[in-house]
Amino acid sequence: QVQLVESGGGLVQPGGSLRLSCAASGFTFSSYAMSWYRQAPGKERELVASITGTGGITNYADSVKGRFTISRDNAKNTVYLQMNSLKPEDTASYYCNAAWGPVVVGVFSRSWGQGTQVTVSS
């Protein structure tokens, strides 16, 4: 079955950096676009960044453009999110899933991982 396991979160000061990883299994990873999402307490889950199956095209939410970079290693079935210049408003639980854009459908909609917590605070 589909499994998505996020890691790499933590507590970081404003202006700091973190690199998140998402290990995927149970599907043909390279055939699917992948996205990172985040959800802060009391807020809806929002799209952060997306990447096509080959990694050739990426897209970012305006709030993270220029600070975050999404990438993938299809040999390792892993997608990454490099987060630089972190701000307190980036504090959230971060999730990955197999989709391009905000809508996750099919089996993937029932396969969210546990997420990884990012807290940006001094």
Protein backbone atom coordinates (compact mmCIF):
# COMPACT_ATOMS: atom_id res chain seq x y z
CA GLN A 1 0.00 0.00 0.00
CA VAL A 2 0.99 3.64 -0.35
CA GLN A 3 3.26 4.88 2.42
CA LEU A 4 4.60 8.38 2.89
CA VAL A 5 7.04 9.04 5.71
CA GLU A 6 8.12 12.62 6.37
CA SER A 7 11.16 13.55 8.43
CA GLY A 8 13.59 16.37 9.09
CA GLY A 9 11.46 18.82 11.02
CA GLY A 10 12.50 20.56 14.21
CA LEU A 11 12.87 23.81 16.09
CA VAL A 12 14.82 26.51 14.28
CA GLN A 13 15.38 30.21 14.82
CA PRO A 14 14.03 32.78 12.38
CA GLY A 15 16.36 33.01 9.40
CA GLY A 16 17.48 29.43 9.81
CA SER A 17 17.23 26.45 7.47
CA LEU A 18 15.84 22.94 7.48
CA ARG A 19 15.70 20.14 4.93
CA LEU A 20 12.65 17.93 4.96
CA SER A 21 12.56 14.46 3.41
CA CYS A 22 9.64 12.28 2.36
CA ALA A 23 10.25 8.60 1.67
CA ALA A 24 7.55 7.09 -0.55
CA SER A 25 6.64 3.48 -1.27
CA GLY A 26 3.80 1.42 -2.67
CA PHE A 27 3.57 3.13 -6.05
CA THR A 28 5.73 3.93 -9.07
CA PHE A 29 7.30 7.04 -7.60
CA SER A 30 8.82 8.45 -10.78
CA SER A 31 5.45 8.41 -12.53
CA TYR A 32 3.85 10.85 -10.12
CA ALA A 33 4.18 14.51 -9.39
CA MET A 34 4.83 15.13 -5.72
CA SER A 35 3.90 18.04 -3.51
CA TRP A 36 4.59 19.36 -0.05
CA TYR A 37 1.74 20.72 2.04
CA ARG A 38 1.58 22.31 5.48
CA GLN A 39 -1.03 22.80 8.13
CA ALA A 40 -0.80 25.19 11.05
CA PRO A 41 -3.03 24.83 14.11
CA GLY A 42 -6.53 26.07 13.39
CA LYS A 43 -5.83 26.54 9.68
CA GLU A 44 -6.59 24.60 6.52
CA ARG A 45 -3.91 22.48 4.90
CA GLU A 46 -2.18 24.49 2.16
CA LEU A 47 0.02 23.66 -0.80
CA VAL A 48 3.65 24.66 -0.41
CA ALA A 49 5.40 23.31 -3.51
CA SER A 50 5.03 20.78 -6.33
CA ILE A 51 7.41 18.94 -8.64
CA THR A 52 6.76 16.84 -11.73
CA GLY A 53 7.72 13.17 -11.96
CA THR A 54 10.95 13.90 -13.78
CA GLY A 55 11.75 16.88 -11.59
CA GLY A 56 11.83 19.18 -14.57
CA ILE A 57 9.07 21.53 -13.47
CA THR A 58 8.41 22.99 -10.06
CA ASN A 59 5.86 25.35 -8.63
CA TYR A 60 5.72 27.24 -5.34
CA ALA A 61 3.23 29.07 -3.19
CA ASP A 62 3.88 32.80 -3.27
CA SER A 63 4.59 32.77 0.46
CA VAL A 64 7.65 30.51 0.05
CA LYS A 65 8.90 31.46 -3.42
CA GLY A 66 12.60 32.26 -3.35
CA ARG A 67 13.08 30.67 0.08
CA PHE A 68 12.05 27.02 -0.39
CA THR A 69 13.27 24.51 -2.98
CA ILE A 70 11.56 21.24 -3.80
CA SER A 71 13.58 18.42 -5.35
CA ARG A 72 13.40 14.67 -5.76
CA ASP A 73 15.62 11.62 -6.13
CA ASN A 74 13.71 8.98 -8.09
CA ALA A 75 16.40 6.38 -7.38
CA LYS A 76 15.65 6.76 -3.68
CA ASN A 77 11.88 7.32 -3.98
CA THR A 78 12.34 10.47 -1.95
CA VAL A 79 11.20 14.06 -2.28
CA TYR A 80 12.87 16.91 -0.41
CA LEU A 81 12.02 20.41 0.70
CA GLN A 82 14.94 22.72 1.40
CA MET A 83 13.67 25.59 3.53
CA ASN A 84 15.84 28.68 3.95
CA SER A 85 15.23 32.05 5.57
CA LEU A 86 12.55 30.54 7.75
CA LYS A 87 9.94 32.78 9.33
CA PRO A 88 7.68 32.23 12.34
CA GLU A 89 4.73 32.01 9.94
CA ASP A 90 6.30 28.89 8.40
CA THR A 91 5.53 27.04 11.65
CA ALA A 92 3.31 24.08 10.77
CA SER A 93 3.19 20.35 10.28
CA TYR A 94 4.55 19.51 6.83
CA TYR A 95 3.26 16.64 4.69
CA CYS A 96 4.05 15.23 1.27
CA ASN A 97 1.75 13.47 -1.16
CA ALA A 98 1.53 12.35 -4.76
CA ALA A 99 -0.20 15.18 -6.54
CA TRP A 100 0.41 18.29 -8.60
CA GLY A 101 -1.32 21.12 -6.84
CA PRO A 102 -3.66 21.42 -3.90
CA VAL A 103 -6.01 18.52 -4.61
CA VAL A 104 -5.00 14.98 -3.70
CA VAL A 105 -7.21 12.28 -5.19
CA GLY A 106 -7.76 8.54 -5.18
CA VAL A 107 -5.76 6.24 -2.97
CA PHE A 108 -3.37 9.05 -2.12
CA SER A 109 -6.13 11.04 -0.46
CA ARG A 110 -6.37 8.21 2.09
CA SER A 111 -2.61 7.85 2.52
CA TRP A 112 -1.37 10.95 4.30
CA GLY A 113 1.68 10.36 6.46
CA GLN A 114 2.19 11.52 10.01
CA GLY A 115 3.88 14.72 8.91
CA THR A 116 6.91 16.43 10.39
CA GLN A 117 6.65 19.44 12.69
CA VAL A 118 8.52 22.62 11.86
CA THR A 119 8.65 25.30 14.53
CA VAL A 120 10.31 28.63 13.81
CA SER A 121 10.85 30.58 16.99
CA SER A 122 13.51 32.50 18.84
